[in-house]
Protein backbone atom coordinates (compact mmCIF):
# COMPACT_ATOMS: atom_id res chain seq x y z
CA MET A 1 18.46 -0.22 10.36
CA ILE A 2 14.99 1.80 9.53
CA ASN A 3 12.36 -0.60 8.29
CA THR A 4 9.24 1.76 7.79
CA CYS A 5 8.88 5.70 8.29
CA GLU A 6 6.79 8.04 7.71
CA SER A 7 6.56 12.05 7.26
CA TYR A 8 4.91 14.67 8.70
CA GLY A 9 4.45 18.29 7.14
CA ARG A 10 6.45 21.02 9.69
CA THR A 11 3.46 23.75 9.73
CA LYS A 12 -0.16 24.30 10.81
CA SER A 13 -1.43 24.50 7.43
CA LEU A 14 -0.12 21.35 5.73
CA ASP A 15 -0.56 18.91 8.73
CA ALA A 16 -2.75 18.53 11.57
CA HIS A 17 -0.19 16.26 13.10
CA ARG A 18 2.85 18.53 12.90
CA GLU A 19 5.36 18.31 15.70
CA LEU A 20 4.32 21.04 17.58
CA SER A 21 6.87 23.90 18.69
CA CYS A 22 5.97 25.55 21.51
CA VAL A 23 7.23 27.20 25.22
CA ILE A 24 5.72 25.27 28.25
CA LYS A 25 6.23 27.25 31.57
CA ASN A 26 9.44 28.97 30.33
CA VAL A 27 10.87 25.74 28.45
CA PRO A 28 10.49 24.57 24.87
CA THR A 29 9.24 21.89 24.23
CA PRO A 30 11.37 18.75 22.42
CA THR A 31 12.15 19.05 18.93
CA SER A 32 13.41 18.04 15.54
CA LEU A 33 14.00 21.55 14.01
CA LEU A 34 17.91 21.79 13.22
CA PRO A 35 19.97 23.12 16.23
CA ALA A 36 21.44 26.64 15.29
CA THR A 37 25.43 24.54 15.39
CA ARG A 38 26.69 22.77 12.28
CA THR A 39 25.75 19.24 11.92
CA ARG A 40 27.16 16.25 9.57
CA TYR A 41 24.12 16.66 7.04
CA SER A 42 22.79 20.01 6.12
CA ASN A 43 19.25 20.51 7.04
CA VAL A 44 19.30 17.17 8.57
CA TRP A 45 18.94 16.21 12.51
CA PRO A 46 18.19 12.46 13.67
CA VAL A 47 17.06 13.04 17.32
CA THR A 48 14.85 10.81 19.89
CA MET A 49 12.44 12.18 21.09
CA PRO A 50 10.56 11.59 24.24
CA ALA A 51 6.76 10.49 24.07
CA PRO A 52 3.82 8.76 26.34
CA ASP A 53 4.18 5.79 24.73
CA GLY A 54 8.14 5.52 24.69
CA PRO A 55 11.33 6.90 22.74
CA ARG A 56 10.55 8.03 18.91
CA LEU A 57 13.65 7.86 16.49
CA VAL A 58 12.90 11.42 14.36
CA ILE A 59 14.93 12.40 11.42
CA GLY A 60 14.09 16.51 11.62
CA THR A 61 14.55 18.34 8.10
CA GLN A 62 13.38 22.03 6.91
CA SER A 63 10.16 20.61 5.27
CA CYS A 64 9.11 17.55 7.67
CA ASN A 65 10.32 15.25 10.09
CA VAL A 66 10.20 12.11 9.50
CA LEU A 67 9.13 8.96 12.29
CA ALA A 68 10.65 5.80 12.39
CA THR A 69 8.15 3.14 13.05
CA SER A 70 9.59 -0.15 12.17
CA SER A 71 13.73 -0.72 13.04
CA ILE A 72 16.16 -2.89 14.08
CA ARG A 73 20.22 -3.02 15.44
CA LEU A 74 22.42 -5.12 13.33
CA ASP A 75 24.81 -5.07 15.39
CA THR A 76 23.35 -6.84 18.49
CA SER A 77 20.29 -9.36 18.91
CA GLY A 78 17.42 -8.22 19.90
CA MET A 79 13.64 -7.37 18.84
CA VAL A 80 12.55 -5.64 16.05
CA SER A 81 11.21 -2.27 17.29
CA VAL A 82 7.41 -1.57 15.85
CA GLY A 83 5.30 1.21 16.42
CA GLY A 84 5.90 4.85 17.23
CA SER A 85 8.47 3.71 19.81
CA THR A 86 11.81 3.07 19.15
CA LEU A 87 13.76 0.97 22.14
CA TYR A 88 17.24 -0.10 21.27
CA PHE A 89 18.59 2.83 19.14
CA GLN A 90 18.56 6.49 21.06
CA LEU A 91 20.15 9.69 20.31
CA THR A 92 19.81 11.46 23.73
CA THR A 93 22.74 13.91 23.36
CA ALA A 94 23.08 16.47 20.62
CA ASP A 95 26.95 14.94 20.48
CA ASN A 96 24.94 11.72 19.35
CA SER A 97 23.01 13.28 16.94
CA LYS A 98 26.11 14.68 15.06
CA ALA A 99 27.89 11.41 15.26
CA VAL A 100 25.41 9.57 13.49
CA ARG A 101 25.72 8.55 9.92
CA ILE A 102 23.11 7.67 7.33
CA PHE A 103 23.11 5.57 4.99
CA LEU A 104 20.50 5.36 1.88
CA ASP A 105 19.42 2.41 -0.69
CA ARG A 106 20.03 3.35 -3.90
CA GLU A 107 16.55 1.88 -5.55
CA SER A 108 15.00 4.06 -2.83
CA VAL A 109 17.02 7.40 -3.69
CA GLU A 110 16.27 6.63 -6.84
CA SER A 111 12.38 5.91 -6.71
CA ALA A 112 13.02 9.30 -4.63
CA PHE A 113 13.67 11.54 -7.01
CA GLU A 114 11.02 9.90 -9.68
CA LEU A 115 8.19 10.47 -7.11
CA GLY A 116 9.80 14.01 -6.63
CA ARG A 117 9.38 14.79 -10.70
CA ASP A 118 5.92 13.64 -10.85
CA LYS A 119 3.72 16.61 -9.99
CA ASP A 120 0.88 14.30 -10.04
CA ALA A 121 1.49 11.79 -7.83
CA TRP A 122 -0.67 11.70 -4.97
CA THR A 123 1.22 8.19 -3.10
CA VAL A 124 4.25 6.96 -2.60
CA SER A 125 3.66 3.85 -4.66
CA ARG A 126 0.37 2.52 -6.56
CA ARG A 127 0.69 -0.73 -4.52
CA ASN A 128 -0.63 -1.35 -0.66
CA ILE A 129 -2.36 2.22 -0.72
CA LEU A 130 -3.29 1.80 2.83
CA CYS A 131 -0.17 0.48 4.19
CA GLN A 132 1.06 4.09 3.30
CA LEU A 133 -1.24 5.61 5.77
CA ARG A 134 0.38 7.03 8.85
CA GLN A 135 -0.42 5.34 12.25
CA LEU A 136 -2.89 7.87 13.84
CA ARG A 137 -5.20 7.68 16.23
CA SER A 138 -6.71 11.35 16.54
CA LYS A 139 -8.39 14.00 14.02
CA PHE A 140 -10.05 11.88 11.70
CA HIS A 141 -12.37 14.88 10.50
CA ASP A 142 -9.20 16.29 9.05
CA ALA A 143 -8.29 15.77 5.36
CA SER A 144 -4.68 15.66 6.22
CA THR A 145 -4.92 12.72 8.06
CA TYR A 146 -5.34 10.61 5.26
CA PHE A 147 -1.68 11.66 3.81
CA LEU A 148 -0.10 8.72 1.57
CA CYS A 149 3.66 9.21 2.92
CA ARG A 150 4.91 6.15 4.54
CA ALA A 151 6.96 3.84 2.73
CA SER A 152 9.10 0.69 3.51
CA GLY A 153 12.46 -0.71 2.43
CA TYR A 154 13.18 -3.53 0.27
CA LEU A 155 13.41 -5.98 2.77
CA THR A 156 9.86 -5.29 4.24
CA ARG A 157 8.00 -4.19 1.10
CA HIS A 158 5.22 -6.93 1.50
CA HIS A 159 2.05 -5.89 3.53
CA VAL A 160 2.83 -8.69 6.10
CA SER A 161 6.08 -7.33 7.00
CA GLN A 162 4.92 -2.88 8.02
CA PRO A 163 3.15 -2.51 10.92
CA TYR A 164 -0.40 -2.04 11.11
CA SER A 165 -2.38 0.33 12.03
CA VAL A 166 -6.11 1.25 12.65
CA PHE A 167 -6.53 1.20 8.58
CA THR A 168 -4.67 -1.99 8.42
CA LEU A 169 -5.32 -4.21 10.97
CA ILE A 170 -8.44 -5.80 9.71
CA ASN A 171 -5.82 -7.01 7.50
CA PHE A 172 -4.40 -8.85 10.05
CA ASP A 173 -4.53 -12.71 8.67
CA GLN A 174 -4.21 -14.32 12.60
CA SER A 175 -7.30 -11.72 13.74
CA ARG A 176 -10.45 -13.51 14.51
CA PRO A 177 -13.76 -12.29 13.58
CA GLY A 178 -15.12 -9.64 16.44
CA SER A 179 -15.04 -6.39 17.98
CA GLY A 180 -11.23 -5.37 16.91
CA ALA A 181 -12.00 -6.62 13.36
CA ALA A 182 -15.34 -4.86 13.05
CA ALA A 183 -13.81 -1.95 13.70
CA GLY A 184 -10.43 -2.35 11.66
CA SER A 185 -13.48 -2.97 9.02
CA ILE A 186 -14.82 0.94 9.61
CA PHE A 187 -11.14 2.48 9.64
CA LYS A 188 -10.84 0.91 6.63
CA ALA A 189 -14.15 1.86 5.16
CA ILE A 190 -13.65 5.61 6.30
CA ALA A 191 -9.98 5.73 4.32
CA ILE A 192 -11.04 4.50 1.42
CA SER A 193 -13.90 6.85 0.64
CA VAL A 194 -11.84 9.37 1.80
CA ILE A 195 -9.00 8.90 -0.40
CA LYS A 196 -11.45 8.42 -3.08
CA GLU A 197 -13.96 11.33 -2.58
CA GLY A 198 -11.60 13.96 -0.67
CA VAL A 199 -13.51 16.55 1.18
CA ASN A 200 -17.09 14.50 -0.03
CA ALA A 201 -16.33 11.30 1.79
CA LYS A 202 -19.31 9.64 3.15
CA LEU A 203 -19.17 7.06 6.02
CA TYR A 204 -22.51 4.81 5.79
CA LEU A 205 -25.31 3.67 7.96
CA SER A 206 -25.20 -0.10 6.92
CA THR A 207 -21.37 -0.45 6.99
CA MET A 208 -22.10 0.58 11.00
CA LYS A 209 -24.73 -1.90 11.45
CA GLU A 210 -22.86 -4.36 10.02
CA CYS A 211 -19.84 -4.21 11.75
CA ARG A 212 -22.03 -3.72 14.78
CA GLY A 213 -23.01 -6.72 14.68
CA GLN A 214 -19.54 -8.38 14.64
CA CYS A 215 -19.46 -7.16 18.12
CA GLY A 216 -20.25 -9.15 21.36
CA ASP A 217 -20.82 -6.72 24.65
CA THR A 218 -17.61 -5.11 24.59
CA LYS A 219 -16.28 -1.40 24.84
CA ILE A 220 -16.16 -1.13 21.10
CA ALA A 221 -19.38 -2.10 20.76
CA SER A 222 -20.80 0.60 23.15
CA THR A 223 -18.43 3.04 20.95
CA LEU A 224 -20.24 1.88 17.40
CA TYR A 225 -23.90 2.60 19.20
CA ALA A 226 -22.28 5.99 19.40
CA ILE A 227 -21.92 6.51 16.49
CA ILE A 228 -25.09 5.47 15.08
CA GLY A 229 -26.50 7.14 16.94
CA LEU A 230 -25.31 10.28 15.05
CA PHE A 231 -27.28 9.01 11.27
CA SER A 232 -31.06 10.55 11.85
CA PRO A 233 -33.96 8.50 10.51
CA GLU A 234 -33.52 10.25 7.20
CA ILE A 235 -30.06 10.38 6.54
CA ASP A 236 -28.03 6.85 6.05
CA ALA A 237 -24.90 8.64 5.31
CA ILE A 238 -23.01 10.94 7.47
CA LEU A 239 -19.68 13.18 6.04
CA ILE A 240 -16.35 12.36 7.63
CA ILE A 241 -14.07 15.72 7.03
CA GLY A 242 -15.20 18.28 9.35
CA ASN A 243 -17.42 16.00 11.45
CA HIS A 244 -16.27 17.02 15.05
CA GLN A 245 -18.87 14.83 16.28
CA LEU A 246 -18.21 11.91 14.38
CA ASN A 247 -14.21 12.34 15.47
CA THR A 248 -15.10 12.37 19.05
CA GLU A 249 -15.99 8.79 18.55
CA LEU A 250 -13.59 7.59 16.50
CA GLU A 251 -10.91 8.76 18.56
CA ILE A 252 -12.15 6.82 21.11
CA LEU A 253 -12.70 3.83 18.88
CA ALA A 254 -9.36 4.05 17.87
CA THR A 255 -8.30 4.34 21.55
CA HIS A 256 -10.20 0.48 22.43
CA MET A 257 -7.94 -0.67 19.09
CA SER A 258 -4.52 -0.46 20.86
CA SER A 259 -4.62 -3.58 22.59
CA TYR A 260 -5.33 -5.66 19.32
CA ILE A 261 -2.91 -3.51 16.83
CA ALA A 262 -0.31 -4.12 19.57
CA THR A 263 -0.48 -7.70 19.04
CA ALA A 264 -1.03 -7.68 15.47
CA ASN A 265 2.61 -5.60 15.54
CA LYS A 266 4.22 -8.23 17.93
CA SER A 267 3.29 -10.94 14.96
């Protein structure tokens, strides 16, 4: 059973985090693109994709691919798979993918159709906006990083039951004040600014200084110092979208947050 999933666009012009389709040393990289053979469901192809952090359960379609970020087996005892990797349910062959049957929650289907009819819709739900951001750790200078296209099922509709990301780690109730919380505050501020202001979104020096004061002598603190160094004496705010220098430091900061997020997801 998939509890939470997030979608990614197929094309370069739409989504900077699209699934890459290329050839390396004359060998095509694995993708969730539909095979040339007939599938059980038209234009739908569930498959397990290899990734550095573990196997990923992906449902490929013509317009997007959907990554499962929280799932559980109902036919056997086991832990919930939370995060990008799905350990307890793998589709490693074409026969596995063809044999899979997909069951959809009726209420979710009705909500999806309603959302599709709303031409002004910009988010999956009006509640828990930051929880709809995907669990990304790169390309923070690109507007597509802030697409609101993650959703959870009825059983995991509460934010405490959903996977944490760099944007929501600050909401982890068991976290203590310190470097992880400070980094989470920065990403939360960045996300809110981009969602509200779009390409004009800015990161403020006052936010950086406040968060830096919460850190001890850690790798996160060093990265915050590097970000503060991007400000000049005459400028108290810098643009987020299109700012490659800021993105370089934010990607480092996101990497430093990995252990904090893993701890939160195990709770």
